[in-house]
Amino acid sequence: MRLLICAVGRARKKTARALYQDYARLVRWPLDLVEVEVRRQLPDYQRRTAEGALLLEKIPDGAVVVVLDEKGKALSSQEFAKRIGGWRDDGCAHIVFLIGGADGLDDVVRSRADLTLSLGRLTWPHLMVRGMLAEQIYRAQQILAGHPYHRN
């Protein structure tokens, strides 16, 4: 099973990049990060549409798609691990996580989701979300392996 995080924007700050890299290094499943960006100046709705198209073209055929969105479902770490474990056990070849930019995600991207996930009711900077997601993927892996990293 390969995991792919597709995110709008480039993490230029060392702290945001380091947070992602620290946890991504720990994940034993193949985990890749693809960053996309629209460089042209566009109105918000056109930017979201263009960013959405770039995200959608990165999705491999047959992939499970998880969209991170503030309006999504908030899962516990155990519930998140159970979902990933279920997809793994079902023989899923790819799980793709889509993270929008500062202006959010286009509705077309949201409609492609197999799961719309929220990291809680707080609003997080989109560049920070990739690191937080990598930590939760690592935590899910440890939960599924029965490792004590996650404490109940």
N, C-alpha and C. Protein backbone atom coordinates (compact mmCIF):
# COMPACT_ATOMS: atom_id res chain seq x y z
N MET A 1 0.84 -1.18 0.00
CA MET A 1 0.00 0.00 0.00
C MET A 1 0.89 1.24 0.00
N ARG A 2 0.63 2.12 -0.94
CA ARG A 2 1.37 3.38 -1.03
C ARG A 2 0.47 4.52 -0.56
N LEU A 3 1.06 5.44 0.15
CA LEU A 3 0.34 6.61 0.62
C LEU A 3 0.90 7.84 -0.08
N LEU A 4 0.00 8.70 -0.49
CA LEU A 4 0.40 9.92 -1.20
C LEU A 4 -0.34 11.10 -0.58
N ILE A 5 0.42 12.10 -0.18
CA ILE A 5 -0.17 13.35 0.28
C ILE A 5 0.02 14.36 -0.84
N CYS A 6 -1.08 14.86 -1.38
CA CYS A 6 -1.05 15.90 -2.41
C CYS A 6 -1.54 17.18 -1.76
N ALA A 7 -0.69 18.19 -1.76
CA ALA A 7 -1.00 19.42 -1.04
C ALA A 7 -0.79 20.64 -1.91
N VAL A 8 -1.66 21.61 -1.74
CA VAL A 8 -1.52 22.89 -2.44
C VAL A 8 -0.50 23.74 -1.69
N GLY A 9 0.42 24.30 -2.43
CA GLY A 9 1.42 25.19 -1.85
C GLY A 9 2.72 24.47 -1.53
N ARG A 10 3.77 25.23 -1.52
CA ARG A 10 5.10 24.70 -1.20
C ARG A 10 5.47 25.13 0.21
N ALA A 11 5.89 24.18 1.01
CA ALA A 11 6.31 24.49 2.39
C ALA A 11 7.72 25.05 2.33
N ARG A 12 7.81 26.36 2.31
CA ARG A 12 9.12 27.01 2.21
C ARG A 12 9.75 27.23 3.59
N LYS A 13 8.92 27.33 4.62
CA LYS A 13 9.45 27.51 5.97
C LYS A 13 10.04 26.20 6.47
N LYS A 14 11.21 26.31 7.04
CA LYS A 14 11.91 25.11 7.53
C LYS A 14 11.10 24.37 8.58
N THR A 15 10.39 25.09 9.42
CA THR A 15 9.65 24.43 10.50
C THR A 15 8.53 23.56 9.97
N ALA A 16 7.77 24.05 8.99
CA ALA A 16 6.68 23.26 8.41
C ALA A 16 7.23 22.05 7.67
N ARG A 17 8.29 22.24 6.91
CA ARG A 17 8.90 21.14 6.17
C ARG A 17 9.50 20.11 7.13
N ALA A 18 10.17 20.58 8.18
CA ALA A 18 10.81 19.68 9.14
C ALA A 18 9.78 18.84 9.89
N LEU A 19 8.65 19.43 10.26
CA LEU A 19 7.61 18.67 10.95
C LEU A 19 7.15 17.50 10.09
N TYR A 20 6.88 17.79 8.81
CA TYR A 20 6.47 16.71 7.90
C TYR A 20 7.58 15.66 7.78
N GLN A 21 8.79 16.08 7.50
CA GLN A 21 9.89 15.15 7.28
C GLN A 21 10.19 14.29 8.50
N ASP A 22 10.10 14.87 9.69
CA ASP A 22 10.36 14.10 10.91
C ASP A 22 9.43 12.90 11.02
N TYR A 23 8.15 13.10 10.76
CA TYR A 23 7.20 11.99 10.88
C TYR A 23 7.19 11.11 9.64
N ALA A 24 7.35 11.68 8.46
CA ALA A 24 7.36 10.88 7.24
C ALA A 24 8.49 9.86 7.26
N ARG A 25 9.61 10.23 7.84
CA ARG A 25 10.76 9.32 7.95
C ARG A 25 10.45 8.09 8.80
N LEU A 26 9.54 8.24 9.76
CA LEU A 26 9.20 7.15 10.66
C LEU A 26 8.20 6.16 10.05
N VAL A 27 7.44 6.60 9.07
CA VAL A 27 6.40 5.76 8.47
C VAL A 27 7.05 4.67 7.62
N ARG A 28 6.68 3.42 7.88
CA ARG A 28 7.26 2.30 7.14
C ARG A 28 6.56 2.05 5.81
N TRP A 29 5.33 2.49 5.67
CA TRP A 29 4.66 2.38 4.38
C TRP A 29 5.28 3.40 3.44
N PRO A 30 5.31 3.11 2.15
CA PRO A 30 5.78 4.14 1.21
C PRO A 30 4.88 5.38 1.31
N LEU A 31 5.48 6.51 1.60
CA LEU A 31 4.74 7.77 1.77
C LEU A 31 5.43 8.85 0.96
N ASP A 32 4.69 9.45 0.05
CA ASP A 32 5.23 10.52 -0.79
C ASP A 32 4.41 11.79 -0.60
N LEU A 33 5.08 12.91 -0.78
CA LEU A 33 4.43 14.22 -0.73
C LEU A 33 4.61 14.88 -2.09
N VAL A 34 3.48 15.30 -2.67
CA VAL A 34 3.50 16.05 -3.92
C VAL A 34 2.87 17.40 -3.63
N GLU A 35 3.61 18.46 -3.92
CA GLU A 35 3.11 19.82 -3.72
C GLU A 35 2.78 20.42 -5.08
N VAL A 36 1.61 21.02 -5.17
CA VAL A 36 1.19 21.68 -6.41
C VAL A 36 0.88 23.13 -6.10
N GLU A 37 1.07 23.98 -7.08
CA GLU A 37 0.67 25.38 -6.88
C GLU A 37 0.35 26.03 -8.21
N VAL A 38 -0.56 26.99 -8.13
CA VAL A 38 -0.93 27.82 -9.27
C VAL A 38 -0.22 29.14 -9.07
N ARG A 39 0.64 29.49 -10.00
CA ARG A 39 1.45 30.70 -9.83
C ARG A 39 0.78 31.97 -10.36
N ARG A 40 -0.22 31.80 -11.22
CA ARG A 40 -0.90 32.97 -11.77
C ARG A 40 -1.78 33.63 -10.72
N GLN A 41 -1.93 34.93 -10.82
CA GLN A 41 -2.85 35.66 -9.96
C GLN A 41 -4.26 35.45 -10.50
N LEU A 42 -5.11 34.85 -9.70
CA LEU A 42 -6.49 34.57 -10.10
C LEU A 42 -7.43 34.92 -8.95
N PRO A 43 -8.70 35.21 -9.29
CA PRO A 43 -9.69 35.36 -8.22
C PRO A 43 -9.79 34.05 -7.42
N ASP A 44 -10.22 34.14 -6.17
CA ASP A 44 -10.25 32.97 -5.28
C ASP A 44 -10.92 31.75 -5.90
N TYR A 45 -12.12 31.92 -6.47
CA TYR A 45 -12.85 30.77 -6.99
C TYR A 45 -12.12 30.13 -8.17
N GLN A 46 -11.47 30.93 -9.02
CA GLN A 46 -10.70 30.38 -10.15
C GLN A 46 -9.44 29.68 -9.65
N ARG A 47 -8.82 30.24 -8.63
CA ARG A 47 -7.63 29.61 -8.04
C ARG A 47 -8.00 28.24 -7.47
N ARG A 48 -9.11 28.17 -6.71
CA ARG A 48 -9.54 26.88 -6.14
C ARG A 48 -9.81 25.86 -7.24
N THR A 49 -10.43 26.29 -8.32
CA THR A 49 -10.72 25.39 -9.43
C THR A 49 -9.42 24.88 -10.06
N ALA A 50 -8.47 25.78 -10.30
CA ALA A 50 -7.18 25.39 -10.90
C ALA A 50 -6.39 24.49 -9.96
N GLU A 51 -6.37 24.81 -8.67
CA GLU A 51 -5.67 23.97 -7.70
C GLU A 51 -6.32 22.59 -7.63
N GLY A 52 -7.65 22.58 -7.66
CA GLY A 52 -8.38 21.31 -7.62
C GLY A 52 -8.04 20.42 -8.79
N ALA A 53 -7.95 21.00 -9.97
CA ALA A 53 -7.59 20.22 -11.16
C ALA A 53 -6.20 19.62 -11.01
N LEU A 54 -5.26 20.39 -10.47
CA LEU A 54 -3.90 19.87 -10.25
C LEU A 54 -3.90 18.73 -9.24
N LEU A 55 -4.67 18.85 -8.18
CA LEU A 55 -4.76 17.78 -7.18
C LEU A 55 -5.36 16.52 -7.79
N LEU A 56 -6.47 16.68 -8.50
CA LEU A 56 -7.17 15.52 -9.05
C LEU A 56 -6.34 14.74 -10.06
N GLU A 57 -5.50 15.43 -10.81
CA GLU A 57 -4.70 14.71 -11.81
C GLU A 57 -3.59 13.88 -11.17
N LYS A 58 -3.33 14.06 -9.90
CA LYS A 58 -2.30 13.29 -9.19
C LYS A 58 -2.83 11.97 -8.63
N ILE A 59 -4.14 11.76 -8.68
CA ILE A 59 -4.74 10.57 -8.07
C ILE A 59 -4.58 9.37 -8.99
N PRO A 60 -3.92 8.30 -8.53
CA PRO A 60 -3.80 7.09 -9.34
C PRO A 60 -5.17 6.40 -9.48
N ASP A 61 -5.36 5.66 -10.56
CA ASP A 61 -6.60 4.91 -10.76
C ASP A 61 -6.82 3.95 -9.60
N GLY A 62 -8.06 3.88 -9.15
CA GLY A 62 -8.43 2.94 -8.10
C GLY A 62 -8.03 3.35 -6.69
N ALA A 63 -7.48 4.54 -6.53
CA ALA A 63 -7.02 4.98 -5.21
C ALA A 63 -8.20 5.34 -4.31
N VAL A 64 -8.02 5.12 -3.03
CA VAL A 64 -8.93 5.65 -2.02
C VAL A 64 -8.51 7.10 -1.80
N VAL A 65 -9.48 8.00 -1.81
CA VAL A 65 -9.18 9.43 -1.68
C VAL A 65 -9.73 9.97 -0.37
N VAL A 66 -8.84 10.56 0.42
CA VAL A 66 -9.21 11.19 1.68
C VAL A 66 -8.96 12.69 1.51
N VAL A 67 -10.01 13.47 1.63
CA VAL A 67 -9.91 14.92 1.52
C VAL A 67 -9.89 15.51 2.93
N LEU A 68 -8.91 16.34 3.21
CA LEU A 68 -8.86 17.03 4.49
C LEU A 68 -9.60 18.35 4.36
N ASP A 69 -10.60 18.52 5.20
CA ASP A 69 -11.47 19.69 5.08
C ASP A 69 -12.06 19.99 6.45
N GLU A 70 -12.17 21.26 6.77
CA GLU A 70 -12.70 21.66 8.08
C GLU A 70 -14.14 21.18 8.30
N LYS A 71 -14.85 20.88 7.22
CA LYS A 71 -16.23 20.40 7.34
C LYS A 71 -16.30 18.87 7.35
N GLY A 72 -15.15 18.23 7.39
CA GLY A 72 -15.10 16.77 7.36
C GLY A 72 -15.43 16.13 8.69
N LYS A 73 -15.30 14.82 8.71
CA LYS A 73 -15.57 14.02 9.91
C LYS A 73 -14.32 13.99 10.78
N ALA A 74 -14.49 14.30 12.05
CA ALA A 74 -13.38 14.22 13.01
C ALA A 74 -13.34 12.80 13.57
N LEU A 75 -12.24 12.11 13.34
CA LEU A 75 -12.06 10.75 13.83
C LEU A 75 -11.06 10.75 14.97
N SER A 76 -11.19 9.78 15.85
CA SER A 76 -10.13 9.57 16.84
C SER A 76 -8.96 8.90 16.13
N SER A 77 -7.82 8.88 16.76
CA SER A 77 -6.65 8.21 16.16
C SER A 77 -6.93 6.73 15.94
N GLN A 78 -7.66 6.10 16.87
CA GLN A 78 -8.00 4.68 16.71
C GLN A 78 -8.93 4.47 15.52
N GLU A 79 -9.90 5.37 15.35
CA GLU A 79 -10.82 5.26 14.21
C GLU A 79 -10.08 5.47 12.90
N PHE A 80 -9.17 6.42 12.87
CA PHE A 80 -8.36 6.68 11.68
C PHE A 80 -7.52 5.45 11.34
N ALA A 81 -6.89 4.86 12.35
CA ALA A 81 -6.09 3.65 12.14
C ALA A 81 -6.96 2.51 11.60
N LYS A 82 -8.16 2.38 12.14
CA LYS A 82 -9.06 1.31 11.69
C LYS A 82 -9.42 1.49 10.22
N ARG A 83 -9.67 2.73 9.80
CA ARG A 83 -9.98 2.99 8.38
C ARG A 83 -8.80 2.59 7.49
N ILE A 84 -7.61 3.05 7.87
CA ILE A 84 -6.42 2.73 7.06
C ILE A 84 -6.19 1.22 7.06
N GLY A 85 -6.33 0.59 8.21
CA GLY A 85 -6.17 -0.86 8.28
C GLY A 85 -7.18 -1.60 7.43
N GLY A 86 -8.41 -1.11 7.40
CA GLY A 86 -9.44 -1.72 6.56
C GLY A 86 -9.11 -1.61 5.09
N TRP A 87 -8.66 -0.43 4.66
CA TRP A 87 -8.28 -0.26 3.25
C TRP A 87 -7.08 -1.15 2.91
N ARG A 88 -6.13 -1.22 3.83
CA ARG A 88 -4.96 -2.08 3.63
C ARG A 88 -5.41 -3.53 3.48
N ASP A 89 -6.27 -3.99 4.39
CA ASP A 89 -6.73 -5.38 4.38
C ASP A 89 -7.59 -5.69 3.15
N ASP A 90 -8.25 -4.68 2.60
CA ASP A 90 -9.04 -4.85 1.38
C ASP A 90 -8.18 -4.87 0.12
N GLY A 91 -6.86 -4.71 0.29
CA GLY A 91 -5.95 -4.75 -0.85
C GLY A 91 -5.81 -3.44 -1.59
N CYS A 92 -6.16 -2.34 -0.95
CA CYS A 92 -6.03 -1.03 -1.57
C CYS A 92 -4.56 -0.75 -1.91
N ALA A 93 -4.30 -0.40 -3.15
CA ALA A 93 -2.92 -0.13 -3.59
C ALA A 93 -2.47 1.28 -3.23
N HIS A 94 -3.39 2.24 -3.25
CA HIS A 94 -3.04 3.64 -2.99
C HIS A 94 -4.08 4.31 -2.11
N ILE A 95 -3.61 5.07 -1.14
CA ILE A 95 -4.46 6.00 -0.40
C ILE A 95 -3.88 7.38 -0.66
N VAL A 96 -4.73 8.27 -1.14
CA VAL A 96 -4.29 9.63 -1.47
C VAL A 96 -5.00 10.60 -0.53
N PHE A 97 -4.22 11.44 0.11
CA PHE A 97 -4.73 12.49 1.00
C PHE A 97 -4.59 13.82 0.28
N LEU A 98 -5.69 14.56 0.16
CA LEU A 98 -5.68 15.85 -0.54
C LEU A 98 -5.84 16.99 0.45
N ILE A 99 -4.91 17.94 0.39
CA ILE A 99 -4.92 19.10 1.27
C ILE A 99 -5.01 20.36 0.41
N GLY A 100 -6.03 21.15 0.63
CA GLY A 100 -6.21 22.37 -0.15
C GLY A 100 -5.31 23.49 0.31
N GLY A 101 -5.44 24.61 -0.36
CA GLY A 101 -4.64 25.79 -0.03
C GLY A 101 -5.36 26.69 0.96
N ALA A 102 -4.89 27.91 1.05
CA ALA A 102 -5.45 28.88 2.01
C ALA A 102 -6.92 29.18 1.73
N ASP A 103 -7.35 29.03 0.48
CA ASP A 103 -8.74 29.31 0.12
C ASP A 103 -9.62 28.07 0.13
N GLY A 104 -9.09 26.95 0.61
CA GLY A 104 -9.89 25.73 0.69
C GLY A 104 -9.85 24.92 -0.59
N LEU A 105 -10.83 24.03 -0.71
CA LEU A 105 -10.90 23.10 -1.84
C LEU A 105 -12.12 23.36 -2.70
N ASP A 106 -11.98 23.07 -3.97
CA ASP A 106 -13.07 23.16 -4.91
C ASP A 106 -14.07 22.03 -4.63
N ASP A 107 -15.35 22.26 -4.90
CA ASP A 107 -16.38 21.25 -4.66
C ASP A 107 -16.14 19.98 -5.47
N VAL A 108 -15.53 20.10 -6.64
CA VAL A 108 -15.23 18.92 -7.46
C VAL A 108 -14.26 18.00 -6.72
N VAL A 109 -13.31 18.57 -6.03
CA VAL A 109 -12.36 17.78 -5.24
C VAL A 109 -13.09 17.11 -4.08
N ARG A 110 -13.91 17.86 -3.39
CA ARG A 110 -14.67 17.29 -2.26
C ARG A 110 -15.54 16.12 -2.72
N SER A 111 -16.13 16.24 -3.90
CA SER A 111 -17.02 15.18 -4.39
C SER A 111 -16.26 13.91 -4.75
N ARG A 112 -14.97 13.99 -4.94
CA ARG A 112 -14.15 12.81 -5.28
C ARG A 112 -13.76 12.01 -4.03
N ALA A 113 -14.03 12.54 -2.85
CA ALA A 113 -13.56 11.93 -1.61
C ALA A 113 -14.30 10.64 -1.26
N ASP A 114 -13.54 9.65 -0.83
CA ASP A 114 -14.11 8.46 -0.21
C ASP A 114 -14.32 8.73 1.28
N LEU A 115 -13.52 9.64 1.81
CA LEU A 115 -13.64 10.09 3.20
C LEU A 115 -13.24 11.55 3.25
N THR A 116 -14.07 12.37 3.88
CA THR A 116 -13.71 13.76 4.13
C THR A 116 -13.38 13.87 5.61
N LEU A 117 -12.13 14.21 5.88
CA LEU A 117 -11.58 14.16 7.22
C LEU A 117 -11.27 15.55 7.75
N SER A 118 -11.63 15.79 8.99
CA SER A 118 -11.28 17.03 9.67
C SER A 118 -10.27 16.71 10.76
N LEU A 119 -9.32 17.60 10.97
CA LEU A 119 -8.37 17.45 12.07
C LEU A 119 -8.89 18.16 13.33
N GLY A 120 -10.19 18.36 13.38
CA GLY A 120 -10.80 19.00 14.54
C GLY A 120 -11.48 20.29 14.15
N ARG A 121 -12.08 20.93 15.11
CA ARG A 121 -12.86 22.13 14.84
C ARG A 121 -12.00 23.38 14.74
N LEU A 122 -10.76 23.31 15.19
CA LEU A 122 -9.87 24.46 15.06
C LEU A 122 -9.43 24.62 13.61
N THR A 123 -9.08 25.82 13.22
CA THR A 123 -8.54 26.07 11.89
C THR A 123 -7.03 26.00 11.96
N TRP A 124 -6.42 25.22 11.04
CA TRP A 124 -4.97 25.03 11.00
C TRP A 124 -4.41 25.61 9.71
N PRO A 125 -3.20 26.16 9.74
CA PRO A 125 -2.56 26.61 8.51
C PRO A 125 -2.37 25.41 7.58
N HIS A 126 -2.72 25.57 6.31
CA HIS A 126 -2.67 24.43 5.39
C HIS A 126 -1.26 23.86 5.26
N LEU A 127 -0.23 24.68 5.43
CA LEU A 127 1.14 24.16 5.32
C LEU A 127 1.54 23.33 6.54
N MET A 128 0.85 23.52 7.65
CA MET A 128 1.12 22.75 8.86
C MET A 128 0.40 21.40 8.84
N VAL A 129 -0.69 21.33 8.11
CA VAL A 129 -1.53 20.14 8.09
C VAL A 129 -0.77 18.91 7.59
N ARG A 130 0.11 19.08 6.62
CA ARG A 130 0.83 17.91 6.09
C ARG A 130 1.68 17.23 7.17
N GLY A 131 2.29 18.02 8.06
CA GLY A 131 3.07 17.44 9.16
C GLY A 131 2.17 16.76 10.18
N MET A 132 1.05 17.40 10.49
CA MET A 132 0.10 16.81 11.43
C MET A 132 -0.47 15.51 10.87
N LEU A 133 -0.74 15.49 9.58
CA LEU A 133 -1.25 14.28 8.93
C LEU A 133 -0.20 13.18 8.95
N ALA A 134 1.05 13.52 8.66
CA ALA A 134 2.13 12.52 8.68
C ALA A 134 2.24 11.90 10.07
N GLU A 135 2.10 12.72 11.12
CA GLU A 135 2.14 12.18 12.49
C GLU A 135 0.98 11.22 12.72
N GLN A 136 -0.21 11.55 12.24
CA GLN A 136 -1.36 10.67 12.43
C GLN A 136 -1.23 9.38 11.62
N ILE A 137 -0.60 9.46 10.46
CA ILE A 137 -0.34 8.24 9.67
C ILE A 137 0.64 7.35 10.43
N TYR A 138 1.70 7.95 10.97
CA TYR A 138 2.66 7.19 11.78
C TYR A 138 1.96 6.58 13.00
N ARG A 139 1.13 7.37 13.66
CA ARG A 139 0.41 6.89 14.84
C ARG A 139 -0.50 5.73 14.45
N ALA A 140 -1.21 5.85 13.32
CA ALA A 140 -2.09 4.78 12.85
C ALA A 140 -1.29 3.51 12.61
N GLN A 141 -0.14 3.64 12.00
CA GLN A 141 0.72 2.48 11.74
C GLN A 141 1.11 1.81 13.06
N GLN A 142 1.45 2.61 14.05
CA GLN A 142 1.85 2.06 15.35
C GLN A 142 0.66 1.40 16.06
N ILE A 143 -0.52 1.99 15.96
CA ILE A 143 -1.72 1.39 16.54
C ILE A 143 -1.98 0.04 15.89
N LEU A 144 -1.91 -0.02 14.56
CA LEU A 144 -2.17 -1.27 13.85
C LEU A 144 -1.13 -2.34 14.17
N ALA A 145 0.08 -1.91 14.50
CA ALA A 145 1.15 -2.86 14.84
C ALA A 145 1.12 -3.24 16.32
N GLY A 146 0.22 -2.63 17.10
CA GLY A 146 0.15 -2.92 18.53
C GLY A 146 1.29 -2.31 19.33
N HIS A 147 1.92 -1.30 18.76
CA HIS A 147 3.05 -0.64 19.42
C HIS A 147 2.54 0.36 20.46
N PRO A 148 3.26 0.55 21.57
CA PRO A 148 2.78 1.45 22.62
C PRO A 148 2.96 2.95 22.35
N TYR A 149 3.37 3.35 21.14
CA TYR A 149 3.51 4.79 20.83
C TYR A 149 2.22 5.53 21.20
N HIS A 150 1.08 4.94 20.81
CA HIS A 150 -0.21 5.56 21.12
C HIS A 150 -0.69 5.01 22.46
N ARG A 151 -0.93 5.88 23.38
CA ARG A 151 -1.38 5.45 24.71
C ARG A 151 -2.87 5.74 24.87
N ASN A 152 -3.58 4.77 25.40
CA ASN A 152 -5.01 4.98 25.69
C ASN A 152 -5.18 5.45 27.10
